[in-house]
C-alpha atoms as a PDB file:
ATOM      1  CA  UNK A   1     -18.266  14.815  19.629  1.00  0.00           C
ATOM      2  CA  UNK A   2     -15.521  12.536  20.755  1.00  0.00           C
ATOM      3  CA  UNK A   3     -11.806  12.833  20.183  1.00  0.00           C
ATOM      4  CA  UNK A   4      -9.962  10.853  17.518  1.00  0.00           C
ATOM      5  CA  UNK A   5      -7.994   8.897  20.057  1.00  0.00           C
ATOM      6  CA  UNK A   6     -11.125   7.335  21.508  1.00  0.00           C
ATOM      7  CA  UNK A   7     -12.432   6.484  18.045  1.00  0.00           C
ATOM      8  CA  UNK A   8      -9.113   4.855  17.158  1.00  0.00           C
ATOM      9  CA  UNK A   9      -9.099   2.805  20.382  1.00  0.00           C
ATOM     10  CA  UNK A  10     -12.687   1.693  19.773  1.00  0.00           C
ATOM     11  CA  UNK A  11     -11.857   0.780  16.174  1.00  0.00           C
ATOM     12  CA  UNK A  12      -8.900  -1.289  17.287  1.00  0.00           C
ATOM     13  CA  UNK A  13     -11.049  -3.064  19.915  1.00  0.00           C
ATOM     14  CA  UNK A  14     -13.798  -3.744  17.338  1.00  0.00           C
ATOM     15  CA  UNK A  15     -11.222  -5.271  14.981  1.00  0.00           C
ATOM     16  CA  UNK A  16     -10.056  -7.660  17.690  1.00  0.00           C
ATOM     17  CA  UNK A  17     -13.547  -8.537  18.894  1.00  0.00           C
ATOM     18  CA  UNK A  18     -14.841  -9.237  15.359  1.00  0.00           C
ATOM     19  CA  UNK A  19     -11.790 -11.392  14.519  1.00  0.00           C
ATOM     20  CA  UNK A  20     -12.044 -13.407  17.679  1.00  0.00           C
ATOM     21  CA  UNK A  21     -15.821 -13.879  17.335  1.00  0.00           C
ATOM     22  CA  UNK A  22     -15.465 -15.034  13.727  1.00  0.00           C
ATOM     23  CA  UNK A  23     -12.824 -17.490  14.839  1.00  0.00           C
ATOM     24  CA  UNK A  24     -14.654 -18.883  17.874  1.00  0.00           C
ATOM     25  CA  UNK A  25     -18.417 -18.417  17.586  1.00  0.00           C
ATOM     26  CA  UNK A  26     -19.455 -18.123  13.940  1.00  0.00           C
ATOM     27  CA  UNK A  27     -19.812 -21.608  12.424  1.00  0.00           C
ATOM     28  CA  UNK A  28     -21.182 -20.659   8.998  1.00  0.00           C
ATOM     29  CA  UNK A  29     -19.816 -23.077   6.355  1.00  0.00           C
ATOM     30  CA  UNK A  30     -19.845 -20.246   3.778  1.00  0.00           C
ATOM     31  CA  UNK A  31     -17.300 -18.362   5.830  1.00  0.00           C
ATOM     32  CA  UNK A  32     -13.908 -18.993   4.224  1.00  0.00           C
ATOM     33  CA  UNK A  33     -10.453 -17.987   5.382  1.00  0.00           C
ATOM     34  CA  UNK A  34     -11.349 -14.402   6.406  1.00  0.00           C
ATOM     35  CA  UNK A  35      -8.798 -11.930   7.804  1.00  0.00           C
ATOM     36  CA  UNK A  36      -9.948  -8.719   9.451  1.00  0.00           C
ATOM     37  CA  UNK A  37      -7.414  -6.147   8.239  1.00  0.00           C
ATOM     38  CA  UNK A  38      -8.762  -2.856   9.632  1.00  0.00           C
ATOM     39  CA  UNK A  39     -11.680  -1.170  11.352  1.00  0.00           C
ATOM     40  CA  UNK A  40     -12.686   2.474  11.306  1.00  0.00           C
ATOM     41  CA  UNK A  41     -15.256   4.242  13.408  1.00  0.00           C
ATOM     42  CA  UNK A  42     -16.973   7.551  12.635  1.00  0.00           C
ATOM     43  CA  UNK A  43     -16.399  10.512  14.935  1.00  0.00           C
ATOM     44  CA  UNK A  44     -19.746  10.077  16.681  1.00  0.00           C
ATOM     45  CA  UNK A  45     -18.994   6.381  17.340  1.00  0.00           C
ATOM     46  CA  UNK A  46     -22.264   5.334  15.676  1.00  0.00           C
ATOM     47  CA  UNK A  47     -20.926   3.480  12.629  1.00  0.00           C
ATOM     48  CA  UNK A  48     -18.005   1.133  12.212  1.00  0.00           C
ATOM     49  CA  UNK A  49     -16.545  -0.039   8.912  1.00  0.00           C
ATOM     50  CA  UNK A  50     -14.725  -3.359   9.111  1.00  0.00           C
ATOM     51  CA  UNK A  51     -12.299  -4.190   6.284  1.00  0.00           C
ATOM     52  CA  UNK A  52     -11.603  -7.824   5.525  1.00  0.00           C
ATOM     53  CA  UNK A  53      -9.788 -10.016   3.002  1.00  0.00           C
ATOM     54  CA  UNK A  54     -10.640 -13.546   1.909  1.00  0.00           C
ATOM     55  CA  UNK A  55      -8.113 -16.087   0.729  1.00  0.00           C
ATOM     56  CA  UNK A  56      -9.576 -17.785  -2.345  1.00  0.00           C
ATOM     57  CA  UNK A  57     -11.325 -17.120  -5.632  1.00  0.00           C
ATOM     58  CA  UNK A  58     -14.266 -14.835  -6.360  1.00  0.00           C
ATOM     59  CA  UNK A  59     -16.872 -17.476  -5.453  1.00  0.00           C
ATOM     60  CA  UNK A  60     -15.337 -17.905  -1.978  1.00  0.00           C
ATOM     61  CA  UNK A  61     -15.216 -14.108  -1.547  1.00  0.00           C
ATOM     62  CA  UNK A  62     -18.899 -13.783  -2.381  1.00  0.00           C
ATOM     63  CA  UNK A  63     -19.855 -16.637  -0.064  1.00  0.00           C
ATOM     64  CA  UNK A  64     -17.774 -15.110   2.763  1.00  0.00           C
ATOM     65  CA  UNK A  65     -19.414 -11.679   2.168  1.00  0.00           C
ATOM     66  CA  UNK A  66     -22.850 -13.301   2.485  1.00  0.00           C
ATOM     67  CA  UNK A  67     -21.773 -15.099   5.663  1.00  0.00           C
ATOM     68  CA  UNK A  68     -20.484 -11.877   7.197  1.00  0.00           C
ATOM     69  CA  UNK A  69     -23.742 -10.064   6.368  1.00  0.00           C
ATOM     70  CA  UNK A  70     -25.815 -12.854   7.977  1.00  0.00           C
ATOM     71  CA  UNK A  71     -23.607 -12.852  11.071  1.00  0.00           C
ATOM     72  CA  UNK A  72     -23.708  -9.049  11.434  1.00  0.00           C
ATOM     73  CA  UNK A  73     -26.213  -9.078  14.323  1.00  0.00           C
ATOM     74  CA  UNK A  74     -24.263 -11.615  16.376  1.00  0.00           C
ATOM     75  CA  UNK A  75     -21.077  -9.675  15.754  1.00  0.00           C
ATOM     76  CA  UNK A  76     -22.658  -6.347  16.717  1.00  0.00           C
ATOM     77  CA  UNK A  77     -24.054  -7.734  19.934  1.00  0.00           C
ATOM     78  CA  UNK A  78     -20.666  -9.221  20.844  1.00  0.00           C
ATOM     79  CA  UNK A  79     -18.963  -5.894  20.099  1.00  0.00           C
ATOM     80  CA  UNK A  80     -21.461  -4.124  22.337  1.00  0.00           C
ATOM     81  CA  UNK A  81     -20.992  -6.664  25.117  1.00  0.00           C
ATOM     82  CA  UNK A  82     -17.180  -6.461  25.043  1.00  0.00           C
ATOM     83  CA  UNK A  83     -16.633  -2.778  24.465  1.00  0.00           C
ATOM     84  CA  UNK A  84     -19.144  -1.383  26.969  1.00  0.00           C
ATOM     85  CA  UNK A  85     -19.993   1.770  25.042  1.00  0.00           C
ATOM     86  CA  UNK A  86     -23.399   3.411  25.458  1.00  0.00           C
ATOM     87  CA  UNK A  87     -24.370   2.988  21.811  1.00  0.00           C
ATOM     88  CA  UNK A  88     -23.081  -0.049  19.935  1.00  0.00           C
ATOM     89  CA  UNK A  89     -21.925   1.008  16.473  1.00  0.00           C
ATOM     90  CA  UNK A  90     -23.527  -0.514  13.444  1.00  0.00           C
ATOM     91  CA  UNK A  91     -21.144  -2.666  11.455  1.00  0.00           C
ATOM     92  CA  UNK A  92     -20.495  -2.465   7.758  1.00  0.00           C
ATOM     93  CA  UNK A  93     -18.198  -5.022   6.120  1.00  0.00           C
ATOM     94  CA  UNK A  94     -16.118  -3.853   3.148  1.00  0.00           C
ATOM     95  CA  UNK A  95     -13.681  -6.031   1.207  1.00  0.00           C
ATOM     96  CA  UNK A  96     -10.199  -4.581   1.579  1.00  0.00           C
ATOM     97  CA  UNK A  97      -8.546  -3.440  -1.650  1.00  0.00           C
ATOM     98  CA  UNK A  98      -5.045  -3.951  -0.268  1.00  0.00           C
ATOM     99  CA  UNK A  99      -4.407  -7.364  -1.874  1.00  0.00           C
ATOM    100  CA  UNK A 100      -5.563  -6.074  -5.259  1.00  0.00           C
ATOM    101  CA  UNK A 101      -3.358  -2.989  -4.945  1.00  0.00           C
ATOM    102  CA  UNK A 102      -0.396  -5.164  -3.888  1.00  0.00           C
ATOM    103  CA  UNK A 103      -0.991  -7.455  -6.887  1.00  0.00           C
ATOM    104  CA  UNK A 104      -1.076  -4.456  -9.208  1.00  0.00           C
ATOM    105  CA  UNK A 105       2.162  -3.090  -7.779  1.00  0.00           C
ATOM    106  CA  UNK A 106       3.839  -6.511  -8.099  1.00  0.00           C
ATOM    107  CA  UNK A 107       2.760  -6.663 -11.764  1.00  0.00           C
ATOM    108  CA  UNK A 108       4.197  -3.206 -12.398  1.00  0.00           C
ATOM    109  CA  UNK A 109       7.459  -4.162 -10.686  1.00  0.00           C
ATOM    110  CA  UNK A 110       7.679  -7.331 -12.782  1.00  0.00           C
ATOM    111  CA  UNK A 111       7.243  -5.245 -15.977  1.00  0.00           C
ATOM    112  CA  UNK A 112       9.940  -2.843 -14.827  1.00  0.00           C
ATOM    113  CA  UNK A 113      12.325  -5.732 -14.100  1.00  0.00           C
ATOM    114  CA  UNK A 114      11.668  -7.177 -17.571  1.00  0.00           C
ATOM    115  CA  UNK A 115      12.345  -3.803 -19.193  1.00  0.00           C
ATOM    116  CA  UNK A 116      15.536  -3.369 -17.154  1.00  0.00           C
ATOM    117  CA  UNK A 117      16.693  -6.802 -18.283  1.00  0.00           C
ATOM    118  CA  UNK A 118      16.014  -5.866 -21.929  1.00  0.00           C
ATOM    119  CA  UNK A 119      17.993  -2.643 -21.574  1.00  0.00           C
ATOM    120  CA  UNK A 120      20.812  -4.487 -19.867  1.00  0.00           C
ATOM    121  CA  UNK A 121      20.881  -7.110 -22.643  1.00  0.00           C
ATOM    122  CA  UNK A 122      20.915  -4.456 -25.372  1.00  0.00           C
ATOM    123  CA  UNK A 123      23.630  -2.417 -23.683  1.00  0.00           C
ATOM    124  CA  UNK A 124      26.079  -5.296 -23.137  1.00  0.00           C
ATOM    125  CA  UNK A 125      27.772  -4.964 -26.558  1.00  0.00           C
ATOM    126  CA  UNK A 126      27.196  -1.238 -26.968  1.00  0.00           C
ATOM    127  CA  UNK A 127      30.026   1.303 -27.439  1.00  0.00           C
ATOM    128  CA  UNK A 128      30.171   4.844 -26.219  1.00  0.00           C
ATOM    129  CA  UNK A 129      29.234   7.453 -28.869  1.00  0.00           C
ATOM    130  CA  UNK A 130      32.279   9.526 -28.002  1.00  0.00           C
ATOM    131  CA  UNK A 131      35.023   8.907 -25.527  1.00  0.00           C
ATOM    132  CA  UNK A 132      34.476   6.810 -22.454  1.00  0.00           C
ATOM    133  CA  UNK A 133      34.910   9.914 -20.231  1.00  0.00           C
ATOM    134  CA  UNK A 134      33.379  12.951 -22.004  1.00  0.00           C
ATOM    135  CA  UNK A 135      34.342  15.507 -19.293  1.00  0.00           C
ATOM    136  CA  UNK A 136      37.317  17.757 -19.484  1.00  0.00           C
ATOM    137  CA  UNK A 137      39.958  17.386 -16.863  1.00  0.00           C
ATOM    138  CA  UNK A 138      42.042  20.225 -15.454  1.00  0.00           C
ATOM    139  CA  UNK A 139      45.219  18.839 -17.116  1.00  0.00           C
ATOM    140  CA  UNK A 140      43.516  19.106 -20.516  1.00  0.00           C
ATOM    141  CA  UNK A 141      43.205  22.877 -20.233  1.00  0.00           C
ATOM    142  CA  UNK A 142      46.948  23.334 -19.657  1.00  0.00           C
ATOM    143  CA  UNK A 143      47.848  21.191 -22.677  1.00  0.00           C
ATOM    144  CA  UNK A 144      46.248  23.439 -25.311  1.00  0.00           C
ATOM    145  CA  UNK A 145      48.760  23.638 -28.170  1.00  0.00           C
ATOM    146  CA  UNK A 146      47.942  27.125 -29.433  1.00  0.00           C
ATOM    147  CA  UNK A 147      47.981  28.666 -25.951  1.00  0.00           C
ATOM    148  CA  UNK A 148      44.596  30.318 -26.343  1.00  0.00           C
ATOM    149  CA  UNK A 149      41.931  29.900 -23.763  1.00  0.00           C
ATOM    150  CA  UNK A 150      38.141  29.879 -24.194  1.00  0.00           C
ATOM    151  CA  UNK A 151      37.609  31.728 -20.916  1.00  0.00           C
ATOM    152  CA  UNK A 152      37.352  35.481 -20.775  1.00  0.00           C
ATOM    153  CA  UNK A 153      40.433  36.642 -18.911  1.00  0.00           C
ATOM    154  CA  UNK A 154      39.333  40.211 -18.511  1.00  0.00           C
ATOM    155  CA  UNK A 155      39.874  43.394 -20.506  1.00  0.00           C
ATOM    156  CA  UNK A 156      42.829  43.427 -22.827  1.00  0.00           C
ATOM    157  CA  UNK A 157      44.726  46.554 -23.744  1.00  0.00           C
ATOM    158  CA  UNK A 158      45.511  47.060 -27.371  1.00  0.00           C
END
């Protein structure tokens, strides 16, 4: 087995090689605006998973996925040539869920902003239920008119 540092270095190199090869050598018209976001390699360096995003609609994503699958052999041979490892890892292309997650988070933040604005609008003309400052101050304890205190001052002798 190899160490994780070597697997990470190989994954980083695979990410760069695949991105450069897609940019320079692959001339498939189905290939849209593809961005290689990440690459991961198994511990035995036999399989590599390449994560990508595609700018566009679902049709362009499907066409780009088909183009990546058809170019898998060229990309694998280029990875093997440029990395120089004994066994060239097989490539698997997976669409990255990061843009979908970011879109979901943005939607949730927009809902939270809208709710904050509603609360702010409702609270503009609102009054306090009691006094503006509901906490007792030390001066208030000295000003008791009857002189009694709520605190237990200790044992009293009768």
